[in-house]
Amino acid sequence: MRKIISLMFLMMFTVLANAQINNPVTWSHTAVKVADKTYELHLTASIESNWHMYAQDAGEGLAPTSIYFTPNPLISFNGKVKEVGKLQSSYEKYFKAVSKYYANKVAFVQKIKVRSHVGTVVKGTVSYVVCNDRQCLPPKEVPFSIYIGG
């Protein structure tokens, strides 16, 4: 009986350890008012050490980070999503291409204009891949929801 309980405990510990390893990115989402009816949406990724996330322009053959916004008639987008962080690059032997990526932290910033003073919610998803020196995790999609104005 003791062996069975010990084995079950060990299996649960292994599952928990793998679950933490398989999620090396933590996201935060905020809106910053920069002018009347104008906001910056900040989608910030905190990346565990030894992992990296590819840029929106990651390089040939690589999975770029992509941000998709759900249509909302109360807002308009001003320009493209900008990346704020320390962009790094290296040669990927497997893809035979130079990759562009971020380690530790990166913020994806989108400027928007709200069409009225009524509050609204900006929703969407971030699609990304993270890798370390040994492996890449499968692509992941994370939904976000940011309250604006009102």
N, C-alpha and C. Protein backbone atom coordinates (compact mmCIF):
# COMPACT_ATOMS: atom_id res chain seq x y z
N MET A 1 0.82 -1.19 0.00
CA MET A 1 0.00 0.00 0.00
C MET A 1 0.88 1.26 0.00
N ARG A 2 1.95 1.21 0.79
CA ARG A 2 2.85 2.36 0.86
C ARG A 2 3.52 2.62 -0.49
N LYS A 3 3.87 1.54 -1.17
CA LYS A 3 4.50 1.68 -2.48
C LYS A 3 3.55 2.34 -3.48
N ILE A 4 2.30 1.99 -3.42
CA ILE A 4 1.30 2.56 -4.34
C ILE A 4 1.13 4.05 -4.06
N ILE A 5 1.04 4.42 -2.82
CA ILE A 5 0.91 5.84 -2.45
C ILE A 5 2.15 6.61 -2.87
N SER A 6 3.31 6.04 -2.64
CA SER A 6 4.56 6.70 -3.04
C SER A 6 4.62 6.86 -4.55
N LEU A 7 4.22 5.83 -5.28
CA LEU A 7 4.22 5.90 -6.74
C LEU A 7 3.24 6.96 -7.24
N MET A 8 2.07 7.03 -6.65
CA MET A 8 1.08 8.05 -7.04
C MET A 8 1.61 9.46 -6.75
N PHE A 9 2.24 9.64 -5.61
CA PHE A 9 2.82 10.94 -5.26
C PHE A 9 3.90 11.33 -6.26
N LEU A 10 4.76 10.39 -6.61
CA LEU A 10 5.83 10.64 -7.58
C LEU A 10 5.25 11.01 -8.94
N MET A 11 4.21 10.32 -9.37
CA MET A 11 3.57 10.63 -10.66
C MET A 11 2.95 12.02 -10.64
N MET A 12 2.29 12.38 -9.54
CA MET A 12 1.69 13.72 -9.44
C MET A 12 2.77 14.79 -9.46
N PHE A 13 3.87 14.56 -8.78
CA PHE A 13 4.97 15.52 -8.76
C PHE A 13 5.54 15.71 -10.16
N THR A 14 5.71 14.62 -10.90
CA THR A 14 6.23 14.68 -12.27
C THR A 14 5.30 15.48 -13.17
N VAL A 15 4.01 15.25 -13.07
CA VAL A 15 3.02 15.98 -13.87
C VAL A 15 3.08 17.47 -13.53
N LEU A 16 3.14 17.80 -12.25
CA LEU A 16 3.21 19.21 -11.85
C LEU A 16 4.50 19.86 -12.33
N ALA A 17 5.61 19.16 -12.25
CA ALA A 17 6.88 19.71 -12.71
C ALA A 17 6.85 19.97 -14.21
N ASN A 18 6.30 19.04 -14.98
CA ASN A 18 6.20 19.23 -16.42
C ASN A 18 5.24 20.36 -16.77
N ALA A 19 4.18 20.52 -16.03
CA ALA A 19 3.21 21.59 -16.30
C ALA A 19 3.88 22.95 -16.16
N GLN A 20 4.74 23.10 -15.17
CA GLN A 20 5.42 24.38 -14.99
C GLN A 20 6.45 24.61 -16.09
N ILE A 21 7.14 23.59 -16.51
CA ILE A 21 8.13 23.73 -17.57
C ILE A 21 7.45 24.09 -18.88
N ASN A 22 6.28 23.54 -19.12
CA ASN A 22 5.59 23.76 -20.38
C ASN A 22 4.87 25.09 -20.46
N ASN A 23 5.05 25.97 -19.51
CA ASN A 23 4.44 27.29 -19.56
C ASN A 23 5.47 28.34 -19.12
N PRO A 24 6.52 28.56 -19.94
CA PRO A 24 7.58 29.49 -19.52
C PRO A 24 7.27 30.96 -19.78
N VAL A 25 6.05 31.28 -20.22
CA VAL A 25 5.69 32.67 -20.51
C VAL A 25 4.48 33.07 -19.68
N THR A 26 4.59 34.23 -19.02
CA THR A 26 3.47 34.81 -18.27
C THR A 26 3.09 36.12 -18.95
N TRP A 27 1.80 36.31 -19.17
CA TRP A 27 1.32 37.50 -19.88
C TRP A 27 0.62 38.47 -18.95
N SER A 28 0.79 39.76 -19.22
CA SER A 28 -0.01 40.80 -18.55
C SER A 28 -0.52 41.73 -19.65
N HIS A 29 -1.69 42.33 -19.43
CA HIS A 29 -2.33 43.16 -20.43
C HIS A 29 -2.81 44.45 -19.78
N THR A 30 -2.42 45.59 -20.33
CA THR A 30 -2.83 46.87 -19.77
C THR A 30 -3.13 47.86 -20.90
N ALA A 31 -3.87 48.90 -20.54
CA ALA A 31 -4.14 50.02 -21.45
C ALA A 31 -3.61 51.28 -20.78
N VAL A 32 -2.91 52.10 -21.56
CA VAL A 32 -2.37 53.36 -21.07
C VAL A 32 -2.97 54.48 -21.91
N LYS A 33 -3.64 55.44 -21.24
CA LYS A 33 -4.21 56.57 -21.96
C LYS A 33 -3.09 57.54 -22.31
N VAL A 34 -2.94 57.86 -23.60
CA VAL A 34 -1.87 58.76 -24.03
C VAL A 34 -2.40 60.10 -24.52
N ALA A 35 -3.70 60.19 -24.80
CA ALA A 35 -4.35 61.44 -25.21
C ALA A 35 -5.85 61.20 -25.13
N ASP A 36 -6.62 62.25 -25.41
CA ASP A 36 -8.07 62.11 -25.38
C ASP A 36 -8.51 61.06 -26.39
N LYS A 37 -9.17 60.03 -25.94
CA LYS A 37 -9.67 58.91 -26.74
C LYS A 37 -8.57 58.08 -27.40
N THR A 38 -7.33 58.28 -27.01
CA THR A 38 -6.22 57.52 -27.58
C THR A 38 -5.53 56.72 -26.48
N TYR A 39 -5.31 55.43 -26.76
CA TYR A 39 -4.71 54.52 -25.79
C TYR A 39 -3.62 53.69 -26.45
N GLU A 40 -2.72 53.20 -25.62
CA GLU A 40 -1.76 52.19 -26.03
C GLU A 40 -2.11 50.91 -25.29
N LEU A 41 -2.27 49.84 -26.04
CA LEU A 41 -2.47 48.53 -25.44
C LEU A 41 -1.11 47.88 -25.28
N HIS A 42 -0.81 47.41 -24.08
CA HIS A 42 0.48 46.76 -23.80
C HIS A 42 0.21 45.29 -23.47
N LEU A 43 0.70 44.41 -24.32
CA LEU A 43 0.62 42.97 -24.09
C LEU A 43 2.05 42.54 -23.77
N THR A 44 2.32 42.30 -22.50
CA THR A 44 3.69 42.08 -22.04
C THR A 44 3.91 40.61 -21.69
N ALA A 45 4.95 40.05 -22.28
CA ALA A 45 5.34 38.66 -22.02
C ALA A 45 6.56 38.64 -21.12
N SER A 46 6.45 37.98 -19.98
CA SER A 46 7.61 37.73 -19.11
C SER A 46 8.04 36.29 -19.38
N ILE A 47 9.27 36.13 -19.84
CA ILE A 47 9.76 34.84 -20.32
C ILE A 47 10.80 34.30 -19.33
N GLU A 48 10.62 33.06 -18.91
CA GLU A 48 11.56 32.44 -17.98
C GLU A 48 12.95 32.36 -18.59
N SER A 49 13.96 32.37 -17.72
CA SER A 49 15.34 32.31 -18.21
C SER A 49 15.57 31.03 -19.02
N ASN A 50 16.49 31.11 -19.95
CA ASN A 50 16.85 30.03 -20.87
C ASN A 50 15.80 29.76 -21.95
N TRP A 51 14.73 30.54 -21.98
CA TRP A 51 13.71 30.42 -23.02
C TRP A 51 13.71 31.70 -23.85
N HIS A 52 13.21 31.62 -25.07
CA HIS A 52 13.05 32.82 -25.89
C HIS A 52 11.78 32.70 -26.75
N MET A 53 11.24 33.85 -27.12
CA MET A 53 10.02 33.94 -27.92
C MET A 53 10.37 34.66 -29.22
N TYR A 54 9.90 34.13 -30.31
CA TYR A 54 10.20 34.73 -31.60
C TYR A 54 9.47 36.05 -31.80
N ALA A 55 10.10 36.94 -32.58
CA ALA A 55 9.54 38.25 -32.90
C ALA A 55 8.42 38.10 -33.93
N GLN A 56 7.74 39.20 -34.22
CA GLN A 56 6.70 39.19 -35.25
C GLN A 56 7.30 38.93 -36.64
N ASP A 57 8.53 39.38 -36.82
CA ASP A 57 9.29 39.10 -38.02
C ASP A 57 10.43 38.19 -37.59
N ALA A 58 10.12 36.91 -37.38
CA ALA A 58 11.04 35.98 -36.74
C ALA A 58 12.17 35.52 -37.65
N GLY A 59 11.95 35.53 -38.93
CA GLY A 59 12.92 34.99 -39.87
C GLY A 59 12.29 33.88 -40.68
N GLU A 60 12.98 33.49 -41.72
CA GLU A 60 12.45 32.51 -42.66
C GLU A 60 12.29 31.14 -42.02
N GLY A 61 11.10 30.54 -42.18
CA GLY A 61 10.84 29.20 -41.68
C GLY A 61 10.49 29.10 -40.22
N LEU A 62 10.47 30.22 -39.50
CA LEU A 62 10.20 30.21 -38.06
C LEU A 62 8.78 30.67 -37.77
N ALA A 63 8.26 30.31 -36.61
CA ALA A 63 6.91 30.67 -36.22
C ALA A 63 6.91 32.04 -35.53
N PRO A 64 6.46 33.09 -36.20
CA PRO A 64 6.47 34.41 -35.58
C PRO A 64 5.37 34.56 -34.54
N THR A 65 5.56 35.51 -33.65
CA THR A 65 4.50 35.88 -32.72
C THR A 65 3.48 36.69 -33.51
N SER A 66 2.20 36.37 -33.34
CA SER A 66 1.13 37.06 -34.05
C SER A 66 0.07 37.50 -33.05
N ILE A 67 -0.47 38.69 -33.28
CA ILE A 67 -1.51 39.23 -32.42
C ILE A 67 -2.75 39.47 -33.27
N TYR A 68 -3.86 38.89 -32.83
CA TYR A 68 -5.12 39.00 -33.55
C TYR A 68 -6.12 39.74 -32.67
N PHE A 69 -6.73 40.79 -33.20
CA PHE A 69 -7.73 41.56 -32.47
C PHE A 69 -9.12 41.21 -32.98
N THR A 70 -10.05 41.02 -32.05
CA THR A 70 -11.44 40.80 -32.41
C THR A 70 -12.02 42.13 -32.88
N PRO A 71 -12.72 42.13 -34.03
CA PRO A 71 -13.28 43.40 -34.52
C PRO A 71 -14.17 44.07 -33.46
N ASN A 72 -14.02 45.38 -33.35
CA ASN A 72 -14.81 46.17 -32.40
C ASN A 72 -15.12 47.51 -33.08
N PRO A 73 -16.40 47.80 -33.34
CA PRO A 73 -16.75 49.03 -34.06
C PRO A 73 -16.45 50.31 -33.27
N LEU A 74 -16.15 50.20 -31.99
CA LEU A 74 -15.90 51.39 -31.17
C LEU A 74 -14.44 51.83 -31.18
N ILE A 75 -13.57 51.05 -31.82
CA ILE A 75 -12.15 51.43 -31.83
C ILE A 75 -11.59 51.37 -33.25
N SER A 76 -10.52 52.15 -33.45
CA SER A 76 -9.75 52.06 -34.69
C SER A 76 -8.28 51.91 -34.32
N PHE A 77 -7.56 51.19 -35.14
CA PHE A 77 -6.15 50.91 -34.88
C PHE A 77 -5.28 51.94 -35.59
N ASN A 78 -4.26 52.40 -34.87
CA ASN A 78 -3.36 53.41 -35.40
C ASN A 78 -1.99 52.76 -35.61
N GLY A 79 -1.69 52.34 -36.84
CA GLY A 79 -0.41 51.70 -37.13
C GLY A 79 -0.39 50.23 -36.78
N LYS A 80 0.80 49.67 -36.83
CA LYS A 80 1.01 48.25 -36.55
C LYS A 80 1.44 48.05 -35.10
N VAL A 81 1.38 46.80 -34.67
CA VAL A 81 1.85 46.44 -33.34
C VAL A 81 3.37 46.58 -33.31
N LYS A 82 3.86 47.33 -32.31
CA LYS A 82 5.30 47.53 -32.15
C LYS A 82 5.82 46.64 -31.03
N GLU A 83 7.06 46.25 -31.14
CA GLU A 83 7.71 45.43 -30.12
C GLU A 83 8.66 46.31 -29.30
N VAL A 84 8.55 46.19 -27.98
CA VAL A 84 9.43 46.95 -27.09
C VAL A 84 10.19 45.94 -26.23
N GLY A 85 11.47 45.83 -26.48
CA GLY A 85 12.31 44.88 -25.77
C GLY A 85 13.66 44.79 -26.46
N LYS A 86 14.51 43.93 -25.95
CA LYS A 86 15.85 43.77 -26.52
C LYS A 86 15.81 42.67 -27.58
N LEU A 87 15.76 43.08 -28.85
CA LEU A 87 15.71 42.13 -29.95
C LEU A 87 17.08 41.47 -30.10
N GLN A 88 17.06 40.14 -30.17
CA GLN A 88 18.29 39.37 -30.35
C GLN A 88 18.17 38.55 -31.63
N SER A 89 19.29 38.11 -32.14
CA SER A 89 19.25 37.25 -33.32
C SER A 89 20.36 36.22 -33.26
N SER A 90 20.12 35.10 -33.92
CA SER A 90 21.13 34.05 -34.01
C SER A 90 20.83 33.18 -35.23
N TYR A 91 21.83 32.47 -35.67
CA TYR A 91 21.67 31.57 -36.81
C TYR A 91 21.09 30.25 -36.34
N GLU A 92 19.99 29.83 -36.97
CA GLU A 92 19.34 28.56 -36.64
C GLU A 92 19.80 27.51 -37.65
N LYS A 93 20.58 26.53 -37.19
CA LYS A 93 21.11 25.51 -38.08
C LYS A 93 19.99 24.71 -38.76
N TYR A 94 18.98 24.36 -37.99
CA TYR A 94 17.89 23.53 -38.50
C TYR A 94 17.17 24.22 -39.66
N PHE A 95 16.90 25.52 -39.53
CA PHE A 95 16.18 26.27 -40.56
C PHE A 95 17.12 26.93 -41.58
N LYS A 96 18.41 26.90 -41.28
CA LYS A 96 19.41 27.56 -42.13
C LYS A 96 19.02 29.01 -42.38
N ALA A 97 18.69 29.68 -41.29
CA ALA A 97 18.26 31.09 -41.37
C ALA A 97 18.58 31.79 -40.06
N VAL A 98 18.62 33.11 -40.12
CA VAL A 98 18.82 33.92 -38.92
C VAL A 98 17.45 34.13 -38.27
N SER A 99 17.36 33.85 -36.97
CA SER A 99 16.11 34.05 -36.24
C SER A 99 16.20 35.32 -35.38
N LYS A 100 15.05 35.95 -35.18
CA LYS A 100 14.96 37.13 -34.32
C LYS A 100 14.01 36.78 -33.18
N TYR A 101 14.45 37.10 -31.96
CA TYR A 101 13.68 36.67 -30.80
C TYR A 101 13.93 37.59 -29.61
N TYR A 102 13.13 37.37 -28.56
CA TYR A 102 13.25 38.10 -27.30
C TYR A 102 13.43 37.10 -26.17
N ALA A 103 14.26 37.47 -25.22
CA ALA A 103 14.42 36.70 -23.99
C ALA A 103 14.02 37.61 -22.83
N ASN A 104 13.66 37.04 -21.73
CA ASN A 104 13.29 37.73 -20.49
C ASN A 104 11.96 38.48 -20.58
N LYS A 105 11.87 39.52 -21.42
CA LYS A 105 10.65 40.32 -21.44
C LYS A 105 10.50 41.04 -22.78
N VAL A 106 9.27 41.12 -23.25
CA VAL A 106 8.95 41.91 -24.45
C VAL A 106 7.51 42.40 -24.31
N ALA A 107 7.29 43.63 -24.76
CA ALA A 107 5.93 44.20 -24.77
C ALA A 107 5.53 44.44 -26.22
N PHE A 108 4.33 44.03 -26.55
CA PHE A 108 3.76 44.31 -27.86
C PHE A 108 2.77 45.45 -27.65
N VAL A 109 3.00 46.56 -28.33
CA VAL A 109 2.25 47.79 -28.08
C VAL A 109 1.47 48.17 -29.34
N GLN A 110 0.16 48.34 -29.17
CA GLN A 110 -0.72 48.77 -30.26
C GLN A 110 -1.44 50.04 -29.84
N LYS A 111 -1.33 51.07 -30.67
CA LYS A 111 -2.03 52.33 -30.40
C LYS A 111 -3.42 52.24 -31.01
N ILE A 112 -4.44 52.66 -30.23
CA ILE A 112 -5.82 52.65 -30.71
C ILE A 112 -6.48 53.98 -30.41
N LYS A 113 -7.55 54.24 -31.12
CA LYS A 113 -8.37 55.43 -30.88
C LYS A 113 -9.79 54.93 -30.62
N VAL A 114 -10.38 55.44 -29.54
CA VAL A 114 -11.76 55.08 -29.20
C VAL A 114 -12.68 56.10 -29.86
N ARG A 115 -13.75 55.65 -30.49
CA ARG A 115 -14.64 56.53 -31.26
C ARG A 115 -15.62 57.33 -30.39
N SER A 116 -15.79 56.94 -29.13
CA SER A 116 -16.68 57.68 -28.24
C SER A 116 -16.13 57.59 -26.81
N HIS A 117 -16.80 58.25 -25.89
CA HIS A 117 -16.37 58.20 -24.49
C HIS A 117 -16.98 57.03 -23.73
N VAL A 118 -17.66 56.14 -24.44
CA VAL A 118 -18.26 54.96 -23.84
C VAL A 118 -17.16 53.90 -23.65
N GLY A 119 -17.16 53.24 -22.51
CA GLY A 119 -16.19 52.19 -22.25
C GLY A 119 -16.42 50.99 -23.16
N THR A 120 -15.35 50.29 -23.48
CA THR A 120 -15.44 49.11 -24.32
C THR A 120 -14.33 48.12 -23.93
N VAL A 121 -14.38 46.96 -24.50
CA VAL A 121 -13.38 45.93 -24.23
C VAL A 121 -12.70 45.55 -25.54
N VAL A 122 -11.38 45.53 -25.50
CA VAL A 122 -10.59 45.07 -26.65
C VAL A 122 -10.21 43.62 -26.36
N LYS A 123 -10.60 42.74 -27.27
CA LYS A 123 -10.32 41.31 -27.10
C LYS A 123 -9.49 40.80 -28.26
N GLY A 124 -8.82 39.70 -28.03
CA GLY A 124 -8.05 39.07 -29.08
C GLY A 124 -7.24 37.91 -28.55
N THR A 125 -6.29 37.46 -29.36
CA THR A 125 -5.40 36.38 -28.96
C THR A 125 -3.98 36.68 -29.40
N VAL A 126 -3.03 36.13 -28.66
CA VAL A 126 -1.62 36.17 -29.02
C VAL A 126 -1.21 34.74 -29.32
N SER A 127 -0.62 34.54 -30.48
CA SER A 127 -0.13 33.23 -30.88
C SER A 127 1.40 33.30 -30.90
N TYR A 128 2.05 32.34 -30.24
CA TYR A 128 3.50 32.40 -30.13
C TYR A 128 4.11 31.01 -29.93
N VAL A 129 5.43 30.96 -30.12
CA VAL A 129 6.22 29.76 -29.88
C VAL A 129 7.39 30.16 -29.00
N VAL A 130 7.71 29.32 -28.01
CA VAL A 130 8.90 29.55 -27.19
C VAL A 130 9.83 28.36 -27.34
N CYS A 131 11.13 28.66 -27.29
CA CYS A 131 12.15 27.62 -27.43
C CYS A 131 13.25 27.86 -26.41
N ASN A 132 13.99 26.80 -26.15
CA ASN A 132 15.24 26.91 -25.42
C ASN A 132 16.31 26.21 -26.25
N ASP A 133 17.45 25.91 -25.69
CA ASP A 133 18.52 25.28 -26.46
C ASP A 133 18.22 23.83 -26.85
N ARG A 134 17.26 23.21 -26.19
CA ARG A 134 16.98 21.79 -26.44
C ARG A 134 15.67 21.53 -27.17
N GLN A 135 14.69 22.43 -27.01
CA GLN A 135 13.37 22.13 -27.56
C GLN A 135 12.57 23.39 -27.83
N CYS A 136 11.57 23.23 -28.67
CA CYS A 136 10.55 24.26 -28.86
C CYS A 136 9.23 23.66 -28.42
N LEU A 137 8.44 24.44 -27.73
CA LEU A 137 7.12 23.97 -27.33
C LEU A 137 6.14 24.20 -28.48
N PRO A 138 5.04 23.45 -28.52
CA PRO A 138 4.06 23.65 -29.58
C PRO A 138 3.51 25.08 -29.55
N PRO A 139 3.04 25.59 -30.69
CA PRO A 139 2.46 26.94 -30.70
C PRO A 139 1.34 27.05 -29.67
N LYS A 140 1.25 28.22 -29.07
CA LYS A 140 0.25 28.44 -28.03
C LYS A 140 -0.54 29.71 -28.36
N GLU A 141 -1.83 29.68 -28.08
CA GLU A 141 -2.67 30.86 -28.24
C GLU A 141 -3.21 31.26 -26.87
N VAL A 142 -3.02 32.54 -26.55
CA VAL A 142 -3.47 33.06 -25.26
C VAL A 142 -4.47 34.17 -25.53
N PRO A 143 -5.69 34.05 -25.02
CA PRO A 143 -6.67 35.13 -25.21
C PRO A 143 -6.38 36.29 -24.25
N PHE A 144 -6.78 37.49 -24.67
CA PHE A 144 -6.67 38.64 -23.79
C PHE A 144 -7.92 39.49 -23.89
N SER A 145 -8.15 40.28 -22.86
CA SER A 145 -9.31 41.15 -22.78
C SER A 145 -8.90 42.38 -21.97
N ILE A 146 -8.98 43.57 -22.60
CA ILE A 146 -8.53 44.80 -21.95
C ILE A 146 -9.66 45.82 -21.97
N TYR A 147 -10.04 46.31 -20.80
CA TYR A 147 -11.08 47.33 -20.69
C TYR A 147 -10.50 48.69 -21.03
N ILE A 148 -11.23 49.48 -21.84
CA ILE A 148 -10.80 50.80 -22.30
C ILE A 148 -11.86 51.84 -21.98
N GLY A 149 -11.41 53.00 -21.50
CA GLY A 149 -12.26 54.19 -21.38
C GLY A 149 -13.45 54.05 -20.45
N GLY A 150 -14.44 54.91 -20.72
CA GLY A 150 -15.68 54.87 -19.92
C GLY A 150 -15.71 55.87 -18.80
